[in-house]
Amino acid sequence: MTYHSNVKGGRLYRLPIYYLEVQVSYLKRKHWTPVDTWVVTTIDNLNSIVKEDSKTRDRLFQMIYGKGYKSQKAVRLDKIYSRKQVGFTDKPYNELTESQKRMINEDK
């Protein structure tokens, strides 16, 4: 992970963007049902994706449950079938998630 200074003097961290093909399980009528789908995220840890990436989490809930589902909603990521790096993003330190901050501090 690299960083560079922007015009205002703050650091921008260059994070990889991943396209993942994953198996997601969702809870419906007290049963977990597996589904294969895709995820685009900057987080590479399977457990942290649903916890910290709100855009991905909201997209999965919308795709699986839709607008009209009123009962309990739960989604978990079970497997990563493939991981492909598709690009990079520049983010300031205050916009990073907790797992990304831990990854930066481990690199130092």
PDB file of N, CA and C in Angstrom:
ATOM      1  N   MET A   1       0.842  -1.158   0.000  1.00  0.00           N
ATOM      2  CA  MET A   1       0.000   0.000   0.000  1.00  0.00           C
ATOM      3  C   MET A   1       0.893   1.229   0.000  1.00  0.00           C
ATOM      4  N   THR A   2       0.636   2.155  -0.889  1.00  0.00           N
ATOM      5  CA  THR A   2       1.430   3.370  -0.981  1.00  0.00           C
ATOM      6  C   THR A   2       0.551   4.565  -0.680  1.00  0.00           C
ATOM      7  N   TYR A   3       1.182   5.677  -0.379  1.00  0.00           N
ATOM      8  CA  TYR A   3       0.442   6.904  -0.163  1.00  0.00           C
ATOM      9  C   TYR A   3       1.181   8.049  -0.836  1.00  0.00           C
ATOM     10  N   HIS A   4       0.448   9.122  -1.105  1.00  0.00           N
ATOM     11  CA  HIS A   4       1.058  10.325  -1.640  1.00  0.00           C
ATOM     12  C   HIS A   4       0.301  11.527  -1.103  1.00  0.00           C
ATOM     13  N   SER A   5       0.889  12.692  -1.153  1.00  0.00           N
ATOM     14  CA  SER A   5       0.256  13.896  -0.628  1.00  0.00           C
ATOM     15  C   SER A   5      -0.611  14.522  -1.705  1.00  0.00           C
ATOM     16  N   ASN A   6      -1.759  15.026  -1.288  1.00  0.00           N
ATOM     17  CA  ASN A   6      -2.598  15.742  -2.237  1.00  0.00           C
ATOM     18  C   ASN A   6      -2.288  17.231  -2.144  1.00  0.00           C
ATOM     19  N   VAL A   7      -3.057  18.057  -2.814  1.00  0.00           N
ATOM     20  CA  VAL A   7      -2.783  19.484  -2.896  1.00  0.00           C
ATOM     21  C   VAL A   7      -2.862  20.146  -1.519  1.00  0.00           C
ATOM     22  N   LYS A   8      -3.765  19.698  -0.655  1.00  0.00           N
ATOM     23  CA  LYS A   8      -3.966  20.324   0.646  1.00  0.00           C
ATOM     24  C   LYS A   8      -2.951  19.859   1.682  1.00  0.00           C
ATOM     25  N   GLY A   9      -2.072  18.943   1.340  1.00  0.00           N
ATOM     26  CA  GLY A   9      -1.040  18.518   2.269  1.00  0.00           C
ATOM     27  C   GLY A   9      -1.359  17.243   3.025  1.00  0.00           C
ATOM     28  N   GLY A  10      -2.565  16.695   2.884  1.00  0.00           N
ATOM     29  CA  GLY A  10      -2.908  15.444   3.553  1.00  0.00           C
ATOM     30  C   GLY A  10      -2.468  14.252   2.728  1.00  0.00           C
ATOM     31  N   ARG A  11      -2.406  13.103   3.378  1.00  0.00           N
ATOM     32  CA  ARG A  11      -1.998  11.890   2.672  1.00  0.00           C
ATOM     33  C   ARG A  11      -3.210  11.183   2.072  1.00  0.00           C
ATOM     34  N   LEU A  12      -3.036  10.692   0.871  1.00  0.00           N
ATOM     35  CA  LEU A  12      -4.031   9.846   0.230  1.00  0.00           C
ATOM     36  C   LEU A  12      -3.442   8.449   0.128  1.00  0.00           C
ATOM     37  N   TYR A  13      -4.181   7.463   0.596  1.00  0.00           N
ATOM     38  CA  TYR A  13      -3.713   6.086   0.568  1.00  0.00           C
ATOM     39  C   TYR A  13      -4.265   5.394  -0.666  1.00  0.00           C
ATOM     40  N   ARG A  14      -3.380   4.738  -1.396  1.00  0.00           N
ATOM     41  CA  ARG A  14      -3.736   4.059  -2.643  1.00  0.00           C
ATOM     42  C   ARG A  14      -4.087   2.621  -2.297  1.00  0.00           C
ATOM     43  N   LEU A  15      -5.397   2.306  -2.320  1.00  0.00           N
ATOM     44  CA  LEU A  15      -5.890   0.989  -1.950  1.00  0.00           C
ATOM     45  C   LEU A  15      -6.339   0.224  -3.186  1.00  0.00           C
ATOM     46  N   PRO A  16      -6.102  -1.077  -3.226  1.00  0.00           N
ATOM     47  CA  PRO A  16      -6.577  -1.868  -4.372  1.00  0.00           C
ATOM     48  C   PRO A  16      -8.086  -2.069  -4.329  1.00  0.00           C
ATOM     49  N   ILE A  17      -8.695  -2.105  -5.495  1.00  0.00           N
ATOM     50  CA  ILE A  17     -10.124  -2.418  -5.633  1.00  0.00           C
ATOM     51  C   ILE A  17     -10.215  -3.847  -6.146  1.00  0.00           C
ATOM     52  N   TYR A  18     -11.026  -4.667  -5.469  1.00  0.00           N
ATOM     53  CA  TYR A  18     -11.143  -6.075  -5.825  1.00  0.00           C
ATOM     54  C   TYR A  18     -12.532  -6.377  -6.381  1.00  0.00           C
ATOM     55  N   TYR A  19     -12.571  -7.227  -7.394  1.00  0.00           N
ATOM     56  CA  TYR A  19     -13.811  -7.836  -7.882  1.00  0.00           C
ATOM     57  C   TYR A  19     -13.782  -9.276  -7.386  1.00  0.00           C
ATOM     58  N   LEU A  20     -14.750  -9.632  -6.531  1.00  0.00           N
ATOM     59  CA  LEU A  20     -14.795 -10.956  -5.916  1.00  0.00           C
ATOM     60  C   LEU A  20     -16.037 -11.696  -6.372  1.00  0.00           C
ATOM     61  N   GLU A  21     -15.865 -12.961  -6.690  1.00  0.00           N
ATOM     62  CA  GLU A  21     -17.012 -13.845  -6.886  1.00  0.00           C
ATOM     63  C   GLU A  21     -17.131 -14.654  -5.604  1.00  0.00           C
ATOM     64  N   VAL A  22     -18.280 -14.529  -4.923  1.00  0.00           N
ATOM     65  CA  VAL A  22     -18.433 -15.087  -3.582  1.00  0.00           C
ATOM     66  C   VAL A  22     -19.703 -15.918  -3.472  1.00  0.00           C
ATOM     67  N   GLN A  23     -19.729 -16.739  -2.422  1.00  0.00           N
ATOM     68  CA  GLN A  23     -20.961 -17.425  -2.042  1.00  0.00           C
ATOM     69  C   GLN A  23     -21.508 -16.697  -0.826  1.00  0.00           C
ATOM     70  N   VAL A  24     -22.739 -16.219  -0.939  1.00  0.00           N
ATOM     71  CA  VAL A  24     -23.412 -15.492   0.122  1.00  0.00           C
ATOM     72  C   VAL A  24     -24.573 -16.348   0.604  1.00  0.00           C
ATOM     73  N   SER A  25     -24.756 -16.415   1.912  1.00  0.00           N
ATOM     74  CA  SER A  25     -25.922 -17.092   2.473  1.00  0.00           C
ATOM     75  C   SER A  25     -26.808 -16.051   3.137  1.00  0.00           C
ATOM     76  N   TYR A  26     -28.109 -16.199   2.951  1.00  0.00           N
ATOM     77  CA  TYR A  26     -29.038 -15.261   3.570  1.00  0.00           C
ATOM     78  C   TYR A  26     -30.101 -16.028   4.337  1.00  0.00           C
ATOM     79  N   LEU A  27     -30.636 -15.390   5.362  1.00  0.00           N
ATOM     80  CA  LEU A  27     -31.620 -16.001   6.247  1.00  0.00           C
ATOM     81  C   LEU A  27     -33.017 -15.651   5.780  1.00  0.00           C
ATOM     82  N   LYS A  28     -33.789 -16.687   5.499  1.00  0.00           N
ATOM     83  CA  LYS A  28     -35.178 -16.491   5.097  1.00  0.00           C
ATOM     84  C   LYS A  28     -35.984 -17.658   5.636  1.00  0.00           C
ATOM     85  N   ARG A  29     -37.009 -17.351   6.385  1.00  0.00           N
ATOM     86  CA  ARG A  29     -37.856 -18.362   7.029  1.00  0.00           C
ATOM     87  C   ARG A  29     -37.038 -19.328   7.888  1.00  0.00           C
ATOM     88  N   LYS A  30     -36.104 -18.786   8.669  1.00  0.00           N
ATOM     89  CA  LYS A  30     -35.278 -19.532   9.615  1.00  0.00           C
ATOM     90  C   LYS A  30     -34.317 -20.524   8.967  1.00  0.00           C
ATOM     91  N   HIS A  31     -34.052 -20.398   7.681  1.00  0.00           N
ATOM     92  CA  HIS A  31     -33.120 -21.275   6.977  1.00  0.00           C
ATOM     93  C   HIS A  31     -32.103 -20.425   6.213  1.00  0.00           C
ATOM     94  N   TRP A  32     -30.844 -20.863   6.230  1.00  0.00           N
ATOM     95  CA  TRP A  32     -29.796 -20.195   5.476  1.00  0.00           C
ATOM     96  C   TRP A  32     -29.790 -20.751   4.052  1.00  0.00           C
ATOM     97  N   THR A  33     -29.893 -19.866   3.075  1.00  0.00           N
ATOM     98  CA  THR A  33     -29.929 -20.244   1.671  1.00  0.00           C
ATOM     99  C   THR A  33     -28.704 -19.679   0.956  1.00  0.00           C
ATOM    100  N   PRO A  34     -27.867 -20.534   0.341  1.00  0.00           N
ATOM    101  CA  PRO A  34     -26.674 -20.023  -0.350  1.00  0.00           C
ATOM    102  C   PRO A  34     -26.993 -19.511  -1.753  1.00  0.00           C
ATOM    103  N   VAL A  35     -26.252 -18.487  -2.164  1.00  0.00           N
ATOM    104  CA  VAL A  35     -26.406 -17.876  -3.483  1.00  0.00           C
ATOM    105  C   VAL A  35     -25.026 -17.419  -3.944  1.00  0.00           C
ATOM    106  N   ASP A  36     -24.707 -17.598  -5.212  1.00  0.00           N
ATOM    107  CA  ASP A  36     -23.446 -17.114  -5.770  1.00  0.00           C
ATOM    108  C   ASP A  36     -23.671 -15.737  -6.372  1.00  0.00           C
ATOM    109  N   THR A  37     -22.795 -14.800  -6.045  1.00  0.00           N
ATOM    110  CA  THR A  37     -22.925 -13.434  -6.538  1.00  0.00           C
ATOM    111  C   THR A  37     -21.546 -12.786  -6.616  1.00  0.00           C
ATOM    112  N   TRP A  38     -21.512 -11.489  -6.919  1.00  0.00           N
ATOM    113  CA  TRP A  38     -20.265 -10.753  -7.060  1.00  0.00           C
ATOM    114  C   TRP A  38     -20.233  -9.615  -6.053  1.00  0.00           C
ATOM    115  N   VAL A  39     -19.028  -9.169  -5.735  1.00  0.00           N
ATOM    116  CA  VAL A  39     -18.822  -8.063  -4.807  1.00  0.00           C
ATOM    117  C   VAL A  39     -17.646  -7.237  -5.327  1.00  0.00           C
ATOM    118  N   VAL A  40     -17.781  -5.913  -5.304  1.00  0.00           N
ATOM    119  CA  VAL A  40     -16.673  -5.016  -5.612  1.00  0.00           C
ATOM    120  C   VAL A  40     -16.377  -4.225  -4.351  1.00  0.00           C
ATOM    121  N   THR A  41     -15.143  -4.325  -3.846  1.00  0.00           N
ATOM    122  CA  THR A  41     -14.796  -3.696  -2.579  1.00  0.00           C
ATOM    123  C   THR A  41     -13.301  -3.435  -2.495  1.00  0.00           C
ATOM    124  N   THR A  42     -12.910  -2.604  -1.539  1.00  0.00           N
ATOM    125  CA  THR A  42     -11.494  -2.369  -1.273  1.00  0.00           C
ATOM    126  C   THR A  42     -11.014  -3.206  -0.093  1.00  0.00           C
ATOM    127  N   ILE A  43     -11.899  -3.963   0.515  1.00  0.00           N
ATOM    128  CA  ILE A  43     -11.561  -4.790   1.680  1.00  0.00           C
ATOM    129  C   ILE A  43     -11.353  -6.221   1.203  1.00  0.00           C
ATOM    130  N   ASP A  44     -10.249  -6.832   1.599  1.00  0.00           N
ATOM    131  CA  ASP A  44      -9.973  -8.184   1.136  1.00  0.00           C
ATOM    132  C   ASP A  44     -10.226  -9.253   2.195  1.00  0.00           C
ATOM    133  N   ASN A  45     -10.633  -8.862   3.378  1.00  0.00           N
ATOM    134  CA  ASN A  45     -10.923  -9.810   4.445  1.00  0.00           C
ATOM    135  C   ASN A  45     -12.392 -10.211   4.377  1.00  0.00           C
ATOM    136  N   LEU A  46     -12.651 -11.499   4.318  1.00  0.00           N
ATOM    137  CA  LEU A  46     -14.013 -12.011   4.148  1.00  0.00           C
ATOM    138  C   LEU A  46     -14.940 -11.570   5.279  1.00  0.00           C
ATOM    139  N   ASN A  47     -14.453 -11.587   6.518  1.00  0.00           N
ATOM    140  CA  ASN A  47     -15.290 -11.236   7.660  1.00  0.00           C
ATOM    141  C   ASN A  47     -15.575  -9.744   7.753  1.00  0.00           C
ATOM    142  N   SER A  48     -14.691  -8.917   7.235  1.00  0.00           N
ATOM    143  CA  SER A  48     -14.852  -7.468   7.363  1.00  0.00           C
ATOM    144  C   SER A  48     -15.713  -6.845   6.271  1.00  0.00           C
ATOM    145  N   ILE A  49     -15.953  -7.552   5.196  1.00  0.00           N
ATOM    146  CA  ILE A  49     -16.688  -6.954   4.075  1.00  0.00           C
ATOM    147  C   ILE A  49     -18.101  -6.559   4.496  1.00  0.00           C
ATOM    148  N   VAL A  50     -18.849  -7.462   5.094  1.00  0.00           N
ATOM    149  CA  VAL A  50     -20.234  -7.159   5.470  1.00  0.00           C
ATOM    150  C   VAL A  50     -20.271  -6.183   6.645  1.00  0.00           C
ATOM    151  N   LYS A  51     -19.297  -6.269   7.540  1.00  0.00           N
ATOM    152  CA  LYS A  51     -19.286  -5.389   8.711  1.00  0.00           C
ATOM    153  C   LYS A  51     -18.949  -3.951   8.355  1.00  0.00           C
ATOM    154  N   GLU A  52     -17.970  -3.734   7.474  1.00  0.00           N
ATOM    155  CA  GLU A  52     -17.419  -2.400   7.284  1.00  0.00           C
ATOM    156  C   GLU A  52     -17.750  -1.730   5.955  1.00  0.00           C
ATOM    157  N   ASP A  53     -18.097  -2.476   4.939  1.00  0.00           N
ATOM    158  CA  ASP A  53     -18.377  -1.888   3.630  1.00  0.00           C
ATOM    159  C   ASP A  53     -19.883  -1.700   3.473  1.00  0.00           C
ATOM    160  N   SER A  54     -20.353  -0.500   3.787  1.00  0.00           N
ATOM    161  CA  SER A  54     -21.798  -0.253   3.798  1.00  0.00           C
ATOM    162  C   SER A  54     -22.417  -0.320   2.398  1.00  0.00           C
ATOM    163  N   LYS A  55     -21.699   0.116   1.367  1.00  0.00           N
ATOM    164  CA  LYS A  55     -22.252   0.062   0.004  1.00  0.00           C
ATOM    165  C   LYS A  55     -22.477  -1.383  -0.431  1.00  0.00           C
ATOM    166  N   THR A  56     -21.501  -2.244  -0.162  1.00  0.00           N
ATOM    167  CA  THR A  56     -21.642  -3.654  -0.530  1.00  0.00           C
ATOM    168  C   THR A  56     -22.748  -4.317   0.272  1.00  0.00           C
ATOM    169  N   ARG A  57     -22.790  -4.049   1.572  1.00  0.00           N
ATOM    170  CA  ARG A  57     -23.820  -4.627   2.435  1.00  0.00           C
ATOM    171  C   ARG A  57     -25.217  -4.209   1.975  1.00  0.00           C
ATOM    172  N   ASP A  58     -25.403  -2.919   1.687  1.00  0.00           N
ATOM    173  CA  ASP A  58     -26.711  -2.434   1.235  1.00  0.00           C
ATOM    174  C   ASP A  58     -27.102  -3.034  -0.110  1.00  0.00           C
ATOM    175  N   ARG A  59     -26.128  -3.197  -1.015  1.00  0.00           N
ATOM    176  CA  ARG A  59     -26.435  -3.796  -2.312  1.00  0.00           C
ATOM    177  C   ARG A  59     -26.855  -5.254  -2.165  1.00  0.00           C
ATOM    178  N   LEU A  60     -26.169  -5.995  -1.287  1.00  0.00           N
ATOM    179  CA  LEU A  60     -26.532  -7.392  -1.063  1.00  0.00           C
ATOM    180  C   LEU A  60     -27.925  -7.512  -0.459  1.00  0.00           C
ATOM    181  N   PHE A  61     -28.237  -6.692   0.549  1.00  0.00           N
ATOM    182  CA  PHE A  61     -29.567  -6.728   1.151  1.00  0.00           C
ATOM    183  C   PHE A  61     -30.641  -6.366   0.136  1.00  0.00           C
ATOM    184  N   GLN A  62     -30.387  -5.351  -0.687  1.00  0.00           N
ATOM    185  CA  GLN A  62     -31.360  -4.950  -1.700  1.00  0.00           C
ATOM    186  C   GLN A  62     -31.550  -6.036  -2.752  1.00  0.00           C
ATOM    187  N   MET A  63     -30.451  -6.673  -3.188  1.00  0.00           N
ATOM    188  CA  MET A  63     -30.527  -7.716  -4.197  1.00  0.00           C
ATOM    189  C   MET A  63     -31.283  -8.937  -3.675  1.00  0.00           C
ATOM    190  N   ILE A  64     -31.012  -9.319  -2.433  1.00  0.00           N
ATOM    191  CA  ILE A  64     -31.585 -10.546  -1.885  1.00  0.00           C
ATOM    192  C   ILE A  64     -33.010 -10.335  -1.377  1.00  0.00           C
ATOM    193  N   TYR A  65     -33.228  -9.302  -0.592  1.00  0.00           N
ATOM    194  CA  TYR A  65     -34.524  -9.130   0.074  1.00  0.00           C
ATOM    195  C   TYR A  65     -35.474  -8.178  -0.641  1.00  0.00           C
ATOM    196  N   GLY A  66     -34.947  -7.204  -1.371  1.00  0.00           N
ATOM    197  CA  GLY A  66     -35.810  -6.234  -2.022  1.00  0.00           C
ATOM    198  C   GLY A  66     -36.345  -5.217  -1.029  1.00  0.00           C
ATOM    199  N   LYS A  67     -37.308  -4.420  -1.462  1.00  0.00           N
ATOM    200  CA  LYS A  67     -37.852  -3.355  -0.608  1.00  0.00           C
ATOM    201  C   LYS A  67     -38.944  -3.842   0.337  1.00  0.00           C
ATOM    202  N   GLY A  68     -39.689  -4.848  -0.055  1.00  0.00           N
ATOM    203  CA  GLY A  68     -40.887  -5.204   0.683  1.00  0.00           C
ATOM    204  C   GLY A  68     -40.713  -6.202   1.803  1.00  0.00           C
ATOM    205  N   TYR A  69     -39.537  -6.758   2.007  1.00  0.00           N
ATOM    206  CA  TYR A  69     -39.340  -7.800   3.018  1.00  0.00           C
ATOM    207  C   TYR A  69     -39.287  -7.155   4.397  1.00  0.00           C
ATOM    208  N   LYS A  70     -40.176  -7.582   5.310  1.00  0.00           N
ATOM    209  CA  LYS A  70     -40.307  -6.931   6.616  1.00  0.00           C
ATOM    210  C   LYS A  70     -39.740  -7.766   7.756  1.00  0.00           C
ATOM    211  N   SER A  71     -39.408  -9.015   7.542  1.00  0.00           N
ATOM    212  CA  SER A  71     -38.960  -9.884   8.622  1.00  0.00           C
ATOM    213  C   SER A  71     -37.460  -9.697   8.877  1.00  0.00           C
ATOM    214  N   GLN A  72     -36.896 -10.576   9.679  1.00  0.00           N
ATOM    215  CA  GLN A  72     -35.488 -10.498  10.033  1.00  0.00           C
ATOM    216  C   GLN A  72     -34.601 -10.689   8.802  1.00  0.00           C
ATOM    217  N   LYS A  73     -33.572  -9.819   8.677  1.00  0.00           N
ATOM    218  CA  LYS A  73     -32.655  -9.880   7.539  1.00  0.00           C
ATOM    219  C   LYS A  73     -31.253 -10.175   8.047  1.00  0.00           C
ATOM    220  N   ALA A  74     -30.580 -11.121   7.420  1.00  0.00           N
ATOM    221  CA  ALA A  74     -29.202 -11.440   7.766  1.00  0.00           C
ATOM    222  C   ALA A  74     -28.490 -11.971   6.533  1.00  0.00           C
ATOM    223  N   VAL A  75     -27.247 -11.545   6.363  1.00  0.00           N
ATOM    224  CA  VAL A  75     -26.422 -11.974   5.230  1.00  0.00           C
ATOM    225  C   VAL A  75     -25.039 -12.316   5.765  1.00  0.00           C
ATOM    226  N   ARG A  76     -24.460 -13.397   5.256  1.00  0.00           N
ATOM    227  CA  ARG A  76     -23.079 -13.744   5.599  1.00  0.00           C
ATOM    228  C   ARG A  76     -22.351 -14.183   4.338  1.00  0.00           C
ATOM    229  N   LEU A  77     -21.059 -13.910   4.298  1.00  0.00           N
ATOM    230  CA  LEU A  77     -20.226 -14.357   3.186  1.00  0.00           C
ATOM    231  C   LEU A  77     -19.551 -15.648   3.590  1.00  0.00           C
ATOM    232  N   ASP A  78     -19.713 -16.692   2.777  1.00  0.00           N
ATOM    233  CA  ASP A  78     -19.178 -18.004   3.122  1.00  0.00           C
ATOM    234  C   ASP A  78     -17.849 -18.298   2.445  1.00  0.00           C
ATOM    235  N   LYS A  79     -17.755 -18.062   1.144  1.00  0.00           N
ATOM    236  CA  LYS A  79     -16.560 -18.425   0.376  1.00  0.00           C
ATOM    237  C   LYS A  79     -16.222 -17.339  -0.626  1.00  0.00           C
ATOM    238  N   ILE A  80     -14.937 -17.251  -0.938  1.00  0.00           N
ATOM    239  CA  ILE A  80     -14.481 -16.443  -2.066  1.00  0.00           C
ATOM    240  C   ILE A  80     -14.020 -17.414  -3.141  1.00  0.00           C
ATOM    241  N   TYR A  81     -14.714 -17.411  -4.280  1.00  0.00           N
ATOM    242  CA  TYR A  81     -14.336 -18.289  -5.386  1.00  0.00           C
ATOM    243  C   TYR A  81     -13.169 -17.713  -6.177  1.00  0.00           C
ATOM    244  N   SER A  82     -13.221 -16.422  -6.473  1.00  0.00           N
ATOM    245  CA  SER A  82     -12.137 -15.794  -7.228  1.00  0.00           C
ATOM    246  C   SER A  82     -11.977 -14.349  -6.772  1.00  0.00           C
ATOM    247  N   ARG A  83     -10.754 -13.861  -6.894  1.00  0.00           N
ATOM    248  CA  ARG A  83     -10.418 -12.486  -6.514  1.00  0.00           C
ATOM    249  C   ARG A  83      -9.597 -11.890  -7.638  1.00  0.00           C
ATOM    250  N   LYS A  84     -10.058 -10.732  -8.137  1.00  0.00           N
ATOM    251  CA  LYS A  84      -9.357 -10.068  -9.233  1.00  0.00           C
ATOM    252  C   LYS A  84      -9.193  -8.595  -8.874  1.00  0.00           C
ATOM    253  N   GLN A  85      -7.972  -8.107  -8.955  1.00  0.00           N
ATOM    254  CA  GLN A  85      -7.736  -6.699  -8.683  1.00  0.00           C
ATOM    255  C   GLN A  85      -8.039  -5.915  -9.946  1.00  0.00           C
ATOM    256  N   VAL A  86      -8.961  -4.951  -9.850  1.00  0.00           N
ATOM    257  CA  VAL A  86      -9.399  -4.218 -11.036  1.00  0.00           C
ATOM    258  C   VAL A  86      -8.906  -2.781 -11.084  1.00  0.00           C
ATOM    259  N   GLY A  87      -8.300  -2.299 -10.007  1.00  0.00           N
ATOM    260  CA  GLY A  87      -7.817  -0.925 -10.026  1.00  0.00           C
ATOM    261  C   GLY A  87      -7.393  -0.470  -8.649  1.00  0.00           C
ATOM    262  N   PHE A  88      -7.260   0.849  -8.505  1.00  0.00           N
ATOM    263  CA  PHE A  88      -6.863   1.449  -7.242  1.00  0.00           C
ATOM    264  C   PHE A  88      -7.772   2.619  -6.930  1.00  0.00           C
ATOM    265  N   THR A  89      -7.895   2.935  -5.640  1.00  0.00           N
ATOM    266  CA  THR A  89      -8.630   4.102  -5.194  1.00  0.00           C
ATOM    267  C   THR A  89      -7.738   4.927  -4.292  1.00  0.00           C
ATOM    268  N   ASP A  90      -7.931   6.222  -4.273  1.00  0.00           N
ATOM    269  CA  ASP A  90      -7.187   7.108  -3.380  1.00  0.00           C
ATOM    270  C   ASP A  90      -8.143   7.594  -2.297  1.00  0.00           C
ATOM    271  N   LYS A  91      -7.821   7.272  -1.034  1.00  0.00           N
ATOM    272  CA  LYS A  91      -8.674   7.679   0.085  1.00  0.00           C
ATOM    273  C   LYS A  91      -7.827   8.347   1.162  1.00  0.00           C
ATOM    274  N   PRO A  92      -8.350   9.418   1.781  1.00  0.00           N
ATOM    275  CA  PRO A  92      -7.658   9.974   2.934  1.00  0.00           C
ATOM    276  C   PRO A  92      -7.815   9.044   4.145  1.00  0.00           C
ATOM    277  N   TYR A  93      -6.941   9.205   5.129  1.00  0.00           N
ATOM    278  CA  TYR A  93      -6.901   8.294   6.278  1.00  0.00           C
ATOM    279  C   TYR A  93      -8.223   8.269   7.041  1.00  0.00           C
ATOM    280  N   ASN A  94      -8.907   9.410   7.171  1.00  0.00           N
ATOM    281  CA  ASN A  94     -10.142   9.444   7.956  1.00  0.00           C
ATOM    282  C   ASN A  94     -11.304   8.724   7.273  1.00  0.00           C
ATOM    283  N   GLU A  95     -11.210   8.393   5.992  1.00  0.00           N
ATOM    284  CA  GLU A  95     -12.270   7.653   5.298  1.00  0.00           C
ATOM    285  C   GLU A  95     -12.005   6.153   5.231  1.00  0.00           C
ATOM    286  N   LEU A  96     -10.878   5.696   5.770  1.00  0.00           N
ATOM    287  CA  LEU A  96     -10.553   4.271   5.745  1.00  0.00           C
ATOM    288  C   LEU A  96     -11.351   3.526   6.800  1.00  0.00           C
ATOM    289  N   THR A  97     -11.632   2.259   6.539  1.00  0.00           N
ATOM    290  CA  THR A  97     -12.299   1.416   7.528  1.00  0.00           C
ATOM    291  C   THR A  97     -11.274   0.919   8.543  1.00  0.00           C
ATOM    292  N   GLU A  98     -11.762   0.317   9.617  1.00  0.00           N
ATOM    293  CA  GLU A  98     -10.863  -0.148  10.678  1.00  0.00           C
ATOM    294  C   GLU A  98      -9.896  -1.217  10.174  1.00  0.00           C
ATOM    295  N   SER A  99     -10.357  -2.131   9.339  1.00  0.00           N
ATOM    296  CA  SER A  99      -9.459  -3.177   8.838  1.00  0.00           C
ATOM    297  C   SER A  99      -8.398  -2.588   7.910  1.00  0.00           C
ATOM    298  N   GLN A 100      -8.738  -1.555   7.141  1.00  0.00           N
ATOM    299  CA  GLN A 100      -7.760  -0.916   6.271  1.00  0.00           C
ATOM    300  C   GLN A 100      -6.726  -0.145   7.092  1.00  0.00           C
ATOM    301  N   LYS A 101      -7.152   0.489   8.184  1.00  0.00           N
ATOM    302  CA  LYS A 101      -6.206   1.185   9.059  1.00  0.00           C
ATOM    303  C   LYS A 101      -5.254   0.192   9.725  1.00  0.00           C
ATOM    304  N   ARG A 102      -5.762  -0.959  10.138  1.00  0.00           N
ATOM    305  CA  ARG A 102      -4.898  -1.993  10.716  1.00  0.00           C
ATOM    306  C   ARG A 102      -3.874  -2.480   9.693  1.00  0.00           C
ATOM    307  N   MET A 103      -4.311  -2.632   8.435  1.00  0.00           N
ATOM    308  CA  MET A 103      -3.417  -3.087   7.383  1.00  0.00           C
ATOM    309  C   MET A 103      -2.306  -2.058   7.135  1.00  0.00           C
ATOM    310  N   ILE A 104      -2.620  -0.770   7.185  1.00  0.00           N
ATOM    311  CA  ILE A 104      -1.620   0.284   7.005  1.00  0.00           C
ATOM    312  C   ILE A 104      -0.617   0.259   8.158  1.00  0.00           C
ATOM    313  N   ASN A 105      -1.129   0.123   9.387  1.00  0.00           N
ATOM    314  CA  ASN A 105      -0.242   0.129  10.549  1.00  0.00           C
ATOM    315  C   ASN A 105       0.644  -1.109  10.593  1.00  0.00           C
ATOM    316  N   GLU A 106       0.193  -2.242  10.052  1.00  0.00           N
ATOM    317  CA  GLU A 106       1.031  -3.448   9.995  1.00  0.00           C
ATOM    318  C   GLU A 106       2.156  -3.277   8.994  1.00  0.00           C
ATOM    319  N   ASP A 107       1.935  -2.513   7.925  1.00  0.00           N
ATOM    320  CA  ASP A 107       2.955  -2.309   6.897  1.00  0.00           C
ATOM    321  C   ASP A 107       4.103  -1.434   7.371  1.00  0.00           C
ATOM    322  N   LYS A 108       3.869  -0.610   8.390  1.00  0.00           N
ATOM    323  CA  LYS A 108       4.908   0.324   8.855  1.00  0.00           C
ATOM    324  C   LYS A 108       5.990  -0.376   9.622  1.00  0.00           C
TER     325      LYS A 108
END
